[in-house]
Protein backbone atom coordinates (compact mmCIF):
# COMPACT_ATOMS: atom_id res chain seq x y z
CA UNK A 1 0.00 0.00 0.00
CA UNK A 2 2.79 2.42 0.91
CA UNK A 3 4.55 1.82 -2.40
CA UNK A 4 1.35 2.08 -4.47
CA UNK A 5 0.54 5.35 -2.71
CA UNK A 6 3.95 6.66 -3.67
CA UNK A 7 3.33 5.73 -7.32
CA UNK A 8 0.08 7.71 -7.26
CA UNK A 9 1.74 10.65 -5.55
CA UNK A 10 4.20 10.84 -8.45
CA UNK A 11 1.65 9.95 -11.14
CA UNK A 12 -1.98 10.35 -10.02
CA UNK A 13 -3.21 8.90 -13.33
CA UNK A 14 -1.45 5.54 -12.92
CA UNK A 15 -4.41 3.18 -13.31
CA UNK A 16 -2.56 -0.05 -12.51
CA UNK A 17 -1.26 1.43 -9.27
CA UNK A 18 -4.77 2.53 -8.34
CA UNK A 19 -6.04 -1.03 -8.92
CA UNK A 20 -3.13 -2.46 -6.96
CA UNK A 21 -3.84 -0.12 -4.08
CA UNK A 22 -7.45 -1.23 -4.01
CA UNK A 23 -6.47 -4.91 -3.93
CA UNK A 24 -3.83 -4.44 -1.24
PDBML (XML) file of the C-alpha atoms, coordinates in Angstrom:
<?xml version="1.0" encoding="UTF-8" ?>
<PDBx:datablock datablockName="MODEL"
   xmlns:PDBx="http://pdbml.pdb.org/schema/pdbx-v50.xsd"
   xmlns:xsi="http://www.w3.org/2001/XMLSchema-instance"
   xsi:schemaLocation="http://pdbml.pdb.org/schema/pdbx-v50.xsd pdbx-v50.xsd">
   <PDBx:atom_siteCategory>
      <PDBx:atom_site id="1">
         <PDBx:B_iso_or_equiv>0.00</PDBx:B_iso_or_equiv>
         <PDBx:Cartn_x>0.000</PDBx:Cartn_x>
         <PDBx:Cartn_y>0.000</PDBx:Cartn_y>
         <PDBx:Cartn_z>0.000</PDBx:Cartn_z>
         <PDBx:auth_asym_id>A</PDBx:auth_asym_id>
         <PDBx:auth_atom_id>CA</PDBx:auth_atom_id>
         <PDBx:auth_comp_id>UNK</PDBx:auth_comp_id>
         <PDBx:auth_seq_id>1</PDBx:auth_seq_id>
         <PDBx:group_PDB>ATOM</PDBx:group_PDB>
         <PDBx:label_alt_id xsi:nil="true" />
         <PDBx:label_asym_id>A</PDBx:label_asym_id>
         <PDBx:label_atom_id>CA</PDBx:label_atom_id>
         <PDBx:label_comp_id>UNK</PDBx:label_comp_id>
         <PDBx:label_entity_id>1</PDBx:label_entity_id>
         <PDBx:label_seq_id>1</PDBx:label_seq_id>
         <PDBx:occupancy>1.00</PDBx:occupancy>
         <PDBx:pdbx_PDB_model_num>1</PDBx:pdbx_PDB_model_num>
         <PDBx:type_symbol>C</PDBx:type_symbol>
      </PDBx:atom_site>
      <PDBx:atom_site id="2">
         <PDBx:B_iso_or_equiv>0.00</PDBx:B_iso_or_equiv>
         <PDBx:Cartn_x>2.791</PDBx:Cartn_x>
         <PDBx:Cartn_y>2.416</PDBx:Cartn_y>
         <PDBx:Cartn_z>0.914</PDBx:Cartn_z>
         <PDBx:auth_asym_id>A</PDBx:auth_asym_id>
         <PDBx:auth_atom_id>CA</PDBx:auth_atom_id>
         <PDBx:auth_comp_id>UNK</PDBx:auth_comp_id>
         <PDBx:auth_seq_id>2</PDBx:auth_seq_id>
         <PDBx:group_PDB>ATOM</PDBx:group_PDB>
         <PDBx:label_alt_id xsi:nil="true" />
         <PDBx:label_asym_id>A</PDBx:label_asym_id>
         <PDBx:label_atom_id>CA</PDBx:label_atom_id>
         <PDBx:label_comp_id>UNK</PDBx:label_comp_id>
         <PDBx:label_entity_id>1</PDBx:label_entity_id>
         <PDBx:label_seq_id>2</PDBx:label_seq_id>
         <PDBx:occupancy>1.00</PDBx:occupancy>
         <PDBx:pdbx_PDB_model_num>1</PDBx:pdbx_PDB_model_num>
         <PDBx:type_symbol>C</PDBx:type_symbol>
      </PDBx:atom_site>
      <PDBx:atom_site id="3">
         <PDBx:B_iso_or_equiv>0.00</PDBx:B_iso_or_equiv>
         <PDBx:Cartn_x>4.546</PDBx:Cartn_x>
         <PDBx:Cartn_y>1.819</PDBx:Cartn_y>
         <PDBx:Cartn_z>-2.402</PDBx:Cartn_z>
         <PDBx:auth_asym_id>A</PDBx:auth_asym_id>
         <PDBx:auth_atom_id>CA</PDBx:auth_atom_id>
         <PDBx:auth_comp_id>UNK</PDBx:auth_comp_id>
         <PDBx:auth_seq_id>3</PDBx:auth_seq_id>
         <PDBx:group_PDB>ATOM</PDBx:group_PDB>
         <PDBx:label_alt_id xsi:nil="true" />
         <PDBx:label_asym_id>A</PDBx:label_asym_id>
         <PDBx:label_atom_id>CA</PDBx:label_atom_id>
         <PDBx:label_comp_id>UNK</PDBx:label_comp_id>
         <PDBx:label_entity_id>1</PDBx:label_entity_id>
         <PDBx:label_seq_id>3</PDBx:label_seq_id>
         <PDBx:occupancy>1.00</PDBx:occupancy>
         <PDBx:pdbx_PDB_model_num>1</PDBx:pdbx_PDB_model_num>
         <PDBx:type_symbol>C</PDBx:type_symbol>
      </PDBx:atom_site>
      <PDBx:atom_site id="4">
         <PDBx:B_iso_or_equiv>0.00</PDBx:B_iso_or_equiv>
         <PDBx:Cartn_x>1.347</PDBx:Cartn_x>
         <PDBx:Cartn_y>2.083</PDBx:Cartn_y>
         <PDBx:Cartn_z>-4.470</PDBx:Cartn_z>
         <PDBx:auth_asym_id>A</PDBx:auth_asym_id>
         <PDBx:auth_atom_id>CA</PDBx:auth_atom_id>
         <PDBx:auth_comp_id>UNK</PDBx:auth_comp_id>
         <PDBx:auth_seq_id>4</PDBx:auth_seq_id>
         <PDBx:group_PDB>ATOM</PDBx:group_PDB>
         <PDBx:label_alt_id xsi:nil="true" />
         <PDBx:label_asym_id>A</PDBx:label_asym_id>
         <PDBx:label_atom_id>CA</PDBx:label_atom_id>
         <PDBx:label_comp_id>UNK</PDBx:label_comp_id>
         <PDBx:label_entity_id>1</PDBx:label_entity_id>
         <PDBx:label_seq_id>4</PDBx:label_seq_id>
         <PDBx:occupancy>1.00</PDBx:occupancy>
         <PDBx:pdbx_PDB_model_num>1</PDBx:pdbx_PDB_model_num>
         <PDBx:type_symbol>C</PDBx:type_symbol>
      </PDBx:atom_site>
      <PDBx:atom_site id="5">
         <PDBx:B_iso_or_equiv>0.00</PDBx:B_iso_or_equiv>
         <PDBx:Cartn_x>0.540</PDBx:Cartn_x>
         <PDBx:Cartn_y>5.351</PDBx:Cartn_y>
         <PDBx:Cartn_z>-2.714</PDBx:Cartn_z>
         <PDBx:auth_asym_id>A</PDBx:auth_asym_id>
         <PDBx:auth_atom_id>CA</PDBx:auth_atom_id>
         <PDBx:auth_comp_id>UNK</PDBx:auth_comp_id>
         <PDBx:auth_seq_id>5</PDBx:auth_seq_id>
         <PDBx:group_PDB>ATOM</PDBx:group_PDB>
         <PDBx:label_alt_id xsi:nil="true" />
         <PDBx:label_asym_id>A</PDBx:label_asym_id>
         <PDBx:label_atom_id>CA</PDBx:label_atom_id>
         <PDBx:label_comp_id>UNK</PDBx:label_comp_id>
         <PDBx:label_entity_id>1</PDBx:label_entity_id>
         <PDBx:label_seq_id>5</PDBx:label_seq_id>
         <PDBx:occupancy>1.00</PDBx:occupancy>
         <PDBx:pdbx_PDB_model_num>1</PDBx:pdbx_PDB_model_num>
         <PDBx:type_symbol>C</PDBx:type_symbol>
      </PDBx:atom_site>
      <PDBx:atom_site id="6">
         <PDBx:B_iso_or_equiv>0.00</PDBx:B_iso_or_equiv>
         <PDBx:Cartn_x>3.952</PDBx:Cartn_x>
         <PDBx:Cartn_y>6.663</PDBx:Cartn_y>
         <PDBx:Cartn_z>-3.668</PDBx:Cartn_z>
         <PDBx:auth_asym_id>A</PDBx:auth_asym_id>
         <PDBx:auth_atom_id>CA</PDBx:auth_atom_id>
         <PDBx:auth_comp_id>UNK</PDBx:auth_comp_id>
         <PDBx:auth_seq_id>6</PDBx:auth_seq_id>
         <PDBx:group_PDB>ATOM</PDBx:group_PDB>
         <PDBx:label_alt_id xsi:nil="true" />
         <PDBx:label_asym_id>A</PDBx:label_asym_id>
         <PDBx:label_atom_id>CA</PDBx:label_atom_id>
         <PDBx:label_comp_id>UNK</PDBx:label_comp_id>
         <PDBx:label_entity_id>1</PDBx:label_entity_id>
         <PDBx:label_seq_id>6</PDBx:label_seq_id>
         <PDBx:occupancy>1.00</PDBx:occupancy>
         <PDBx:pdbx_PDB_model_num>1</PDBx:pdbx_PDB_model_num>
         <PDBx:type_symbol>C</PDBx:type_symbol>
      </PDBx:atom_site>
      <PDBx:atom_site id="7">
         <PDBx:B_iso_or_equiv>0.00</PDBx:B_iso_or_equiv>
         <PDBx:Cartn_x>3.328</PDBx:Cartn_x>
         <PDBx:Cartn_y>5.735</PDBx:Cartn_y>
         <PDBx:Cartn_z>-7.319</PDBx:Cartn_z>
         <PDBx:auth_asym_id>A</PDBx:auth_asym_id>
         <PDBx:auth_atom_id>CA</PDBx:auth_atom_id>
         <PDBx:auth_comp_id>UNK</PDBx:auth_comp_id>
         <PDBx:auth_seq_id>7</PDBx:auth_seq_id>
         <PDBx:group_PDB>ATOM</PDBx:group_PDB>
         <PDBx:label_alt_id xsi:nil="true" />
         <PDBx:label_asym_id>A</PDBx:label_asym_id>
         <PDBx:label_atom_id>CA</PDBx:label_atom_id>
         <PDBx:label_comp_id>UNK</PDBx:label_comp_id>
         <PDBx:label_entity_id>1</PDBx:label_entity_id>
         <PDBx:label_seq_id>7</PDBx:label_seq_id>
         <PDBx:occupancy>1.00</PDBx:occupancy>
         <PDBx:pdbx_PDB_model_num>1</PDBx:pdbx_PDB_model_num>
         <PDBx:type_symbol>C</PDBx:type_symbol>
      </PDBx:atom_site>
      <PDBx:atom_site id="8">
         <PDBx:B_iso_or_equiv>0.00</PDBx:B_iso_or_equiv>
         <PDBx:Cartn_x>0.085</PDBx:Cartn_x>
         <PDBx:Cartn_y>7.707</PDBx:Cartn_y>
         <PDBx:Cartn_z>-7.258</PDBx:Cartn_z>
         <PDBx:auth_asym_id>A</PDBx:auth_asym_id>
         <PDBx:auth_atom_id>CA</PDBx:auth_atom_id>
         <PDBx:auth_comp_id>UNK</PDBx:auth_comp_id>
         <PDBx:auth_seq_id>8</PDBx:auth_seq_id>
         <PDBx:group_PDB>ATOM</PDBx:group_PDB>
         <PDBx:label_alt_id xsi:nil="true" />
         <PDBx:label_asym_id>A</PDBx:label_asym_id>
         <PDBx:label_atom_id>CA</PDBx:label_atom_id>
         <PDBx:label_comp_id>UNK</PDBx:label_comp_id>
         <PDBx:label_entity_id>1</PDBx:label_entity_id>
         <PDBx:label_seq_id>8</PDBx:label_seq_id>
         <PDBx:occupancy>1.00</PDBx:occupancy>
         <PDBx:pdbx_PDB_model_num>1</PDBx:pdbx_PDB_model_num>
         <PDBx:type_symbol>C</PDBx:type_symbol>
      </PDBx:atom_site>
      <PDBx:atom_site id="9">
         <PDBx:B_iso_or_equiv>0.00</PDBx:B_iso_or_equiv>
         <PDBx:Cartn_x>1.743</PDBx:Cartn_x>
         <PDBx:Cartn_y>10.647</PDBx:Cartn_y>
         <PDBx:Cartn_z>-5.549</PDBx:Cartn_z>
         <PDBx:auth_asym_id>A</PDBx:auth_asym_id>
         <PDBx:auth_atom_id>CA</PDBx:auth_atom_id>
         <PDBx:auth_comp_id>UNK</PDBx:auth_comp_id>
         <PDBx:auth_seq_id>9</PDBx:auth_seq_id>
         <PDBx:group_PDB>ATOM</PDBx:group_PDB>
         <PDBx:label_alt_id xsi:nil="true" />
         <PDBx:label_asym_id>A</PDBx:label_asym_id>
         <PDBx:label_atom_id>CA</PDBx:label_atom_id>
         <PDBx:label_comp_id>UNK</PDBx:label_comp_id>
         <PDBx:label_entity_id>1</PDBx:label_entity_id>
         <PDBx:label_seq_id>9</PDBx:label_seq_id>
         <PDBx:occupancy>1.00</PDBx:occupancy>
         <PDBx:pdbx_PDB_model_num>1</PDBx:pdbx_PDB_model_num>
         <PDBx:type_symbol>C</PDBx:type_symbol>
      </PDBx:atom_site>
      <PDBx:atom_site id="10">
         <PDBx:B_iso_or_equiv>0.00</PDBx:B_iso_or_equiv>
         <PDBx:Cartn_x>4.201</PDBx:Cartn_x>
         <PDBx:Cartn_y>10.844</PDBx:Cartn_y>
         <PDBx:Cartn_z>-8.455</PDBx:Cartn_z>
         <PDBx:auth_asym_id>A</PDBx:auth_asym_id>
         <PDBx:auth_atom_id>CA</PDBx:auth_atom_id>
         <PDBx:auth_comp_id>UNK</PDBx:auth_comp_id>
         <PDBx:auth_seq_id>10</PDBx:auth_seq_id>
         <PDBx:group_PDB>ATOM</PDBx:group_PDB>
         <PDBx:label_alt_id xsi:nil="true" />
         <PDBx:label_asym_id>A</PDBx:label_asym_id>
         <PDBx:label_atom_id>CA</PDBx:label_atom_id>
         <PDBx:label_comp_id>UNK</PDBx:label_comp_id>
         <PDBx:label_entity_id>1</PDBx:label_entity_id>
         <PDBx:label_seq_id>10</PDBx:label_seq_id>
         <PDBx:occupancy>1.00</PDBx:occupancy>
         <PDBx:pdbx_PDB_model_num>1</PDBx:pdbx_PDB_model_num>
         <PDBx:type_symbol>C</PDBx:type_symbol>
      </PDBx:atom_site>
      <PDBx:atom_site id="11">
         <PDBx:B_iso_or_equiv>0.00</PDBx:B_iso_or_equiv>
         <PDBx:Cartn_x>1.648</PDBx:Cartn_x>
         <PDBx:Cartn_y>9.954</PDBx:Cartn_y>
         <PDBx:Cartn_z>-11.142</PDBx:Cartn_z>
         <PDBx:auth_asym_id>A</PDBx:auth_asym_id>
         <PDBx:auth_atom_id>CA</PDBx:auth_atom_id>
         <PDBx:auth_comp_id>UNK</PDBx:auth_comp_id>
         <PDBx:auth_seq_id>11</PDBx:auth_seq_id>
         <PDBx:group_PDB>ATOM</PDBx:group_PDB>
         <PDBx:label_alt_id xsi:nil="true" />
         <PDBx:label_asym_id>A</PDBx:label_asym_id>
         <PDBx:label_atom_id>CA</PDBx:label_atom_id>
         <PDBx:label_comp_id>UNK</PDBx:label_comp_id>
         <PDBx:label_entity_id>1</PDBx:label_entity_id>
         <PDBx:label_seq_id>11</PDBx:label_seq_id>
         <PDBx:occupancy>1.00</PDBx:occupancy>
         <PDBx:pdbx_PDB_model_num>1</PDBx:pdbx_PDB_model_num>
         <PDBx:type_symbol>C</PDBx:type_symbol>
      </PDBx:atom_site>
      <PDBx:atom_site id="12">
         <PDBx:B_iso_or_equiv>0.00</PDBx:B_iso_or_equiv>
         <PDBx:Cartn_x>-1.983</PDBx:Cartn_x>
         <PDBx:Cartn_y>10.355</PDBx:Cartn_y>
         <PDBx:Cartn_z>-10.018</PDBx:Cartn_z>
         <PDBx:auth_asym_id>A</PDBx:auth_asym_id>
         <PDBx:auth_atom_id>CA</PDBx:auth_atom_id>
         <PDBx:auth_comp_id>UNK</PDBx:auth_comp_id>
         <PDBx:auth_seq_id>12</PDBx:auth_seq_id>
         <PDBx:group_PDB>ATOM</PDBx:group_PDB>
         <PDBx:label_alt_id xsi:nil="true" />
         <PDBx:label_asym_id>A</PDBx:label_asym_id>
         <PDBx:label_atom_id>CA</PDBx:label_atom_id>
         <PDBx:label_comp_id>UNK</PDBx:label_comp_id>
         <PDBx:label_entity_id>1</PDBx:label_entity_id>
         <PDBx:label_seq_id>12</PDBx:label_seq_id>
         <PDBx:occupancy>1.00</PDBx:occupancy>
         <PDBx:pdbx_PDB_model_num>1</PDBx:pdbx_PDB_model_num>
         <PDBx:type_symbol>C</PDBx:type_symbol>
      </PDBx:atom_site>
      <PDBx:atom_site id="13">
         <PDBx:B_iso_or_equiv>0.00</PDBx:B_iso_or_equiv>
         <PDBx:Cartn_x>-3.206</PDBx:Cartn_x>
         <PDBx:Cartn_y>8.896</PDBx:Cartn_y>
         <PDBx:Cartn_z>-13.332</PDBx:Cartn_z>
         <PDBx:auth_asym_id>A</PDBx:auth_asym_id>
         <PDBx:auth_atom_id>CA</PDBx:auth_atom_id>
         <PDBx:auth_comp_id>UNK</PDBx:auth_comp_id>
         <PDBx:auth_seq_id>13</PDBx:auth_seq_id>
         <PDBx:group_PDB>ATOM</PDBx:group_PDB>
         <PDBx:label_alt_id xsi:nil="true" />
         <PDBx:label_asym_id>A</PDBx:label_asym_id>
         <PDBx:label_atom_id>CA</PDBx:label_atom_id>
         <PDBx:label_comp_id>UNK</PDBx:label_comp_id>
         <PDBx:label_entity_id>1</PDBx:label_entity_id>
         <PDBx:label_seq_id>13</PDBx:label_seq_id>
         <PDBx:occupancy>1.00</PDBx:occupancy>
         <PDBx:pdbx_PDB_model_num>1</PDBx:pdbx_PDB_model_num>
         <PDBx:type_symbol>C</PDBx:type_symbol>
      </PDBx:atom_site>
      <PDBx:atom_site id="14">
         <PDBx:B_iso_or_equiv>0.00</PDBx:B_iso_or_equiv>
         <PDBx:Cartn_x>-1.453</PDBx:Cartn_x>
         <PDBx:Cartn_y>5.540</PDBx:Cartn_y>
         <PDBx:Cartn_z>-12.918</PDBx:Cartn_z>
         <PDBx:auth_asym_id>A</PDBx:auth_asym_id>
         <PDBx:auth_atom_id>CA</PDBx:auth_atom_id>
         <PDBx:auth_comp_id>UNK</PDBx:auth_comp_id>
         <PDBx:auth_seq_id>14</PDBx:auth_seq_id>
         <PDBx:group_PDB>ATOM</PDBx:group_PDB>
         <PDBx:label_alt_id xsi:nil="true" />
         <PDBx:label_asym_id>A</PDBx:label_asym_id>
         <PDBx:label_atom_id>CA</PDBx:label_atom_id>
         <PDBx:label_comp_id>UNK</PDBx:label_comp_id>
         <PDBx:label_entity_id>1</PDBx:label_entity_id>
         <PDBx:label_seq_id>14</PDBx:label_seq_id>
         <PDBx:occupancy>1.00</PDBx:occupancy>
         <PDBx:pdbx_PDB_model_num>1</PDBx:pdbx_PDB_model_num>
         <PDBx:type_symbol>C</PDBx:type_symbol>
      </PDBx:atom_site>
      <PDBx:atom_site id="15">
         <PDBx:B_iso_or_equiv>0.00</PDBx:B_iso_or_equiv>
         <PDBx:Cartn_x>-4.414</PDBx:Cartn_x>
         <PDBx:Cartn_y>3.181</PDBx:Cartn_y>
         <PDBx:Cartn_z>-13.306</PDBx:Cartn_z>
         <PDBx:auth_asym_id>A</PDBx:auth_asym_id>
         <PDBx:auth_atom_id>CA</PDBx:auth_atom_id>
         <PDBx:auth_comp_id>UNK</PDBx:auth_comp_id>
         <PDBx:auth_seq_id>15</PDBx:auth_seq_id>
         <PDBx:group_PDB>ATOM</PDBx:group_PDB>
         <PDBx:label_alt_id xsi:nil="true" />
         <PDBx:label_asym_id>A</PDBx:label_asym_id>
         <PDBx:label_atom_id>CA</PDBx:label_atom_id>
         <PDBx:label_comp_id>UNK</PDBx:label_comp_id>
         <PDBx:label_entity_id>1</PDBx:label_entity_id>
         <PDBx:label_seq_id>15</PDBx:label_seq_id>
         <PDBx:occupancy>1.00</PDBx:occupancy>
         <PDBx:pdbx_PDB_model_num>1</PDBx:pdbx_PDB_model_num>
         <PDBx:type_symbol>C</PDBx:type_symbol>
      </PDBx:atom_site>
      <PDBx:atom_site id="16">
         <PDBx:B_iso_or_equiv>0.00</PDBx:B_iso_or_equiv>
         <PDBx:Cartn_x>-2.563</PDBx:Cartn_x>
         <PDBx:Cartn_y>-0.050</PDBx:Cartn_y>
         <PDBx:Cartn_z>-12.512</PDBx:Cartn_z>
         <PDBx:auth_asym_id>A</PDBx:auth_asym_id>
         <PDBx:auth_atom_id>CA</PDBx:auth_atom_id>
         <PDBx:auth_comp_id>UNK</PDBx:auth_comp_id>
         <PDBx:auth_seq_id>16</PDBx:auth_seq_id>
         <PDBx:group_PDB>ATOM</PDBx:group_PDB>
         <PDBx:label_alt_id xsi:nil="true" />
         <PDBx:label_asym_id>A</PDBx:label_asym_id>
         <PDBx:label_atom_id>CA</PDBx:label_atom_id>
         <PDBx:label_comp_id>UNK</PDBx:label_comp_id>
         <PDBx:label_entity_id>1</PDBx:label_entity_id>
         <PDBx:label_seq_id>16</PDBx:label_seq_id>
         <PDBx:occupancy>1.00</PDBx:occupancy>
         <PDBx:pdbx_PDB_model_num>1</PDBx:pdbx_PDB_model_num>
         <PDBx:type_symbol>C</PDBx:type_symbol>
      </PDBx:atom_site>
      <PDBx:atom_site id="17">
         <PDBx:B_iso_or_equiv>0.00</PDBx:B_iso_or_equiv>
         <PDBx:Cartn_x>-1.257</PDBx:Cartn_x>
         <PDBx:Cartn_y>1.430</PDBx:Cartn_y>
         <PDBx:Cartn_z>-9.274</PDBx:Cartn_z>
         <PDBx:auth_asym_id>A</PDBx:auth_asym_id>
         <PDBx:auth_atom_id>CA</PDBx:auth_atom_id>
         <PDBx:auth_comp_id>UNK</PDBx:auth_comp_id>
         <PDBx:auth_seq_id>17</PDBx:auth_seq_id>
         <PDBx:group_PDB>ATOM</PDBx:group_PDB>
         <PDBx:label_alt_id xsi:nil="true" />
         <PDBx:label_asym_id>A</PDBx:label_asym_id>
         <PDBx:label_atom_id>CA</PDBx:label_atom_id>
         <PDBx:label_comp_id>UNK</PDBx:label_comp_id>
         <PDBx:label_entity_id>1</PDBx:label_entity_id>
         <PDBx:label_seq_id>17</PDBx:label_seq_id>
         <PDBx:occupancy>1.00</PDBx:occupancy>
         <PDBx:pdbx_PDB_model_num>1</PDBx:pdbx_PDB_model_num>
         <PDBx:type_symbol>C</PDBx:type_symbol>
      </PDBx:atom_site>
      <PDBx:atom_site id="18">
         <PDBx:B_iso_or_equiv>0.00</PDBx:B_iso_or_equiv>
         <PDBx:Cartn_x>-4.772</PDBx:Cartn_x>
         <PDBx:Cartn_y>2.530</PDBx:Cartn_y>
         <PDBx:Cartn_z>-8.339</PDBx:Cartn_z>
         <PDBx:auth_asym_id>A</PDBx:auth_asym_id>
         <PDBx:auth_atom_id>CA</PDBx:auth_atom_id>
         <PDBx:auth_comp_id>UNK</PDBx:auth_comp_id>
         <PDBx:auth_seq_id>18</PDBx:auth_seq_id>
         <PDBx:group_PDB>ATOM</PDBx:group_PDB>
         <PDBx:label_alt_id xsi:nil="true" />
         <PDBx:label_asym_id>A</PDBx:label_asym_id>
         <PDBx:label_atom_id>CA</PDBx:label_atom_id>
         <PDBx:label_comp_id>UNK</PDBx:label_comp_id>
         <PDBx:label_entity_id>1</PDBx:label_entity_id>
         <PDBx:label_seq_id>18</PDBx:label_seq_id>
         <PDBx:occupancy>1.00</PDBx:occupancy>
         <PDBx:pdbx_PDB_model_num>1</PDBx:pdbx_PDB_model_num>
         <PDBx:type_symbol>C</PDBx:type_symbol>
      </PDBx:atom_site>
      <PDBx:atom_site id="19">
         <PDBx:B_iso_or_equiv>0.00</PDBx:B_iso_or_equiv>
         <PDBx:Cartn_x>-6.038</PDBx:Cartn_x>
         <PDBx:Cartn_y>-1.026</PDBx:Cartn_y>
         <PDBx:Cartn_z>-8.922</PDBx:Cartn_z>
         <PDBx:auth_asym_id>A</PDBx:auth_asym_id>
         <PDBx:auth_atom_id>CA</PDBx:auth_atom_id>
         <PDBx:auth_comp_id>UNK</PDBx:auth_comp_id>
         <PDBx:auth_seq_id>19</PDBx:auth_seq_id>
         <PDBx:group_PDB>ATOM</PDBx:group_PDB>
         <PDBx:label_alt_id xsi:nil="true" />
         <PDBx:label_asym_id>A</PDBx:label_asym_id>
         <PDBx:label_atom_id>CA</PDBx:label_atom_id>
         <PDBx:label_comp_id>UNK</PDBx:label_comp_id>
         <PDBx:label_entity_id>1</PDBx:label_entity_id>
         <PDBx:label_seq_id>19</PDBx:label_seq_id>
         <PDBx:occupancy>1.00</PDBx:occupancy>
         <PDBx:pdbx_PDB_model_num>1</PDBx:pdbx_PDB_model_num>
         <PDBx:type_symbol>C</PDBx:type_symbol>
      </PDBx:atom_site>
      <PDBx:atom_site id="20">
         <PDBx:B_iso_or_equiv>0.00</PDBx:B_iso_or_equiv>
         <PDBx:Cartn_x>-3.133</PDBx:Cartn_x>
         <PDBx:Cartn_y>-2.462</PDBx:Cartn_y>
         <PDBx:Cartn_z>-6.957</PDBx:Cartn_z>
         <PDBx:auth_asym_id>A</PDBx:auth_asym_id>
         <PDBx:auth_atom_id>CA</PDBx:auth_atom_id>
         <PDBx:auth_comp_id>UNK</PDBx:auth_comp_id>
         <PDBx:auth_seq_id>20</PDBx:auth_seq_id>
         <PDBx:group_PDB>ATOM</PDBx:group_PDB>
         <PDBx:label_alt_id xsi:nil="true" />
         <PDBx:label_asym_id>A</PDBx:label_asym_id>
         <PDBx:label_atom_id>CA</PDBx:label_atom_id>
         <PDBx:label_comp_id>UNK</PDBx:label_comp_id>
         <PDBx:label_entity_id>1</PDBx:label_entity_id>
         <PDBx:label_seq_id>20</PDBx:label_seq_id>
         <PDBx:occupancy>1.00</PDBx:occupancy>
         <PDBx:pdbx_PDB_model_num>1</PDBx:pdbx_PDB_model_num>
         <PDBx:type_symbol>C</PDBx:type_symbol>
      </PDBx:atom_site>
      <PDBx:atom_site id="21">
         <PDBx:B_iso_or_equiv>0.00</PDBx:B_iso_or_equiv>
         <PDBx:Cartn_x>-3.838</PDBx:Cartn_x>
         <PDBx:Cartn_y>-0.119</PDBx:Cartn_y>
         <PDBx:Cartn_z>-4.076</PDBx:Cartn_z>
         <PDBx:auth_asym_id>A</PDBx:auth_asym_id>
         <PDBx:auth_atom_id>CA</PDBx:auth_atom_id>
         <PDBx:auth_comp_id>UNK</PDBx:auth_comp_id>
         <PDBx:auth_seq_id>21</PDBx:auth_seq_id>
         <PDBx:group_PDB>ATOM</PDBx:group_PDB>
         <PDBx:label_alt_id xsi:nil="true" />
         <PDBx:label_asym_id>A</PDBx:label_asym_id>
         <PDBx:label_atom_id>CA</PDBx:label_atom_id>
         <PDBx:label_comp_id>UNK</PDBx:label_comp_id>
         <PDBx:label_entity_id>1</PDBx:label_entity_id>
         <PDBx:label_seq_id>21</PDBx:label_seq_id>
         <PDBx:occupancy>1.00</PDBx:occupancy>
         <PDBx:pdbx_PDB_model_num>1</PDBx:pdbx_PDB_model_num>
         <PDBx:type_symbol>C</PDBx:type_symbol>
      </PDBx:atom_site>
      <PDBx:atom_site id="22">
         <PDBx:B_iso_or_equiv>0.00</PDBx:B_iso_or_equiv>
         <PDBx:Cartn_x>-7.454</PDBx:Cartn_x>
         <PDBx:Cartn_y>-1.227</PDBx:Cartn_y>
         <PDBx:Cartn_z>-4.015</PDBx:Cartn_z>
         <PDBx:auth_asym_id>A</PDBx:auth_asym_id>
         <PDBx:auth_atom_id>CA</PDBx:auth_atom_id>
         <PDBx:auth_comp_id>UNK</PDBx:auth_comp_id>
         <PDBx:auth_seq_id>22</PDBx:auth_seq_id>
         <PDBx:group_PDB>ATOM</PDBx:group_PDB>
         <PDBx:label_alt_id xsi:nil="true" />
         <PDBx:label_asym_id>A</PDBx:label_asym_id>
         <PDBx:label_atom_id>CA</PDBx:label_atom_id>
         <PDBx:label_comp_id>UNK</PDBx:label_comp_id>
         <PDBx:label_entity_id>1</PDBx:label_entity_id>
         <PDBx:label_seq_id>22</PDBx:label_seq_id>
         <PDBx:occupancy>1.00</PDBx:occupancy>
         <PDBx:pdbx_PDB_model_num>1</PDBx:pdbx_PDB_model_num>
         <PDBx:type_symbol>C</PDBx:type_symbol>
      </PDBx:atom_site>
      <PDBx:atom_site id="23">
         <PDBx:B_iso_or_equiv>0.00</PDBx:B_iso_or_equiv>
         <PDBx:Cartn_x>-6.468</PDBx:Cartn_x>
         <PDBx:Cartn_y>-4.909</PDBx:Cartn_y>
         <PDBx:Cartn_z>-3.929</PDBx:Cartn_z>
         <PDBx:auth_asym_id>A</PDBx:auth_asym_id>
         <PDBx:auth_atom_id>CA</PDBx:auth_atom_id>
         <PDBx:auth_comp_id>UNK</PDBx:auth_comp_id>
         <PDBx:auth_seq_id>23</PDBx:auth_seq_id>
         <PDBx:group_PDB>ATOM</PDBx:group_PDB>
         <PDBx:label_alt_id xsi:nil="true" />
         <PDBx:label_asym_id>A</PDBx:label_asym_id>
         <PDBx:label_atom_id>CA</PDBx:label_atom_id>
         <PDBx:label_comp_id>UNK</PDBx:label_comp_id>
         <PDBx:label_entity_id>1</PDBx:label_entity_id>
         <PDBx:label_seq_id>23</PDBx:label_seq_id>
         <PDBx:occupancy>1.00</PDBx:occupancy>
         <PDBx:pdbx_PDB_model_num>1</PDBx:pdbx_PDB_model_num>
         <PDBx:type_symbol>C</PDBx:type_symbol>
      </PDBx:atom_site>
      <PDBx:atom_site id="24">
         <PDBx:B_iso_or_equiv>0.00</PDBx:B_iso_or_equiv>
         <PDBx:Cartn_x>-3.834</PDBx:Cartn_x>
         <PDBx:Cartn_y>-4.440</PDBx:Cartn_y>
         <PDBx:Cartn_z>-1.239</PDBx:Cartn_z>
         <PDBx:auth_asym_id>A</PDBx:auth_asym_id>
         <PDBx:auth_atom_id>CA</PDBx:auth_atom_id>
         <PDBx:auth_comp_id>UNK</PDBx:auth_comp_id>
         <PDBx:auth_seq_id>24</PDBx:auth_seq_id>
         <PDBx:group_PDB>ATOM</PDBx:group_PDB>
         <PDBx:label_alt_id xsi:nil="true" />
         <PDBx:label_asym_id>A</PDBx:label_asym_id>
         <PDBx:label_atom_id>CA</PDBx:label_atom_id>
         <PDBx:label_comp_id>UNK</PDBx:label_comp_id>
         <PDBx:label_entity_id>1</PDBx:label_entity_id>
         <PDBx:label_seq_id>24</PDBx:label_seq_id>
         <PDBx:occupancy>1.00</PDBx:occupancy>
         <PDBx:pdbx_PDB_model_num>1</PDBx:pdbx_PDB_model_num>
         <PDBx:type_symbol>C</PDBx:type_symbol>
      </PDBx:atom_site>
   </PDBx:atom_siteCategory>
</PDBx:datablock>
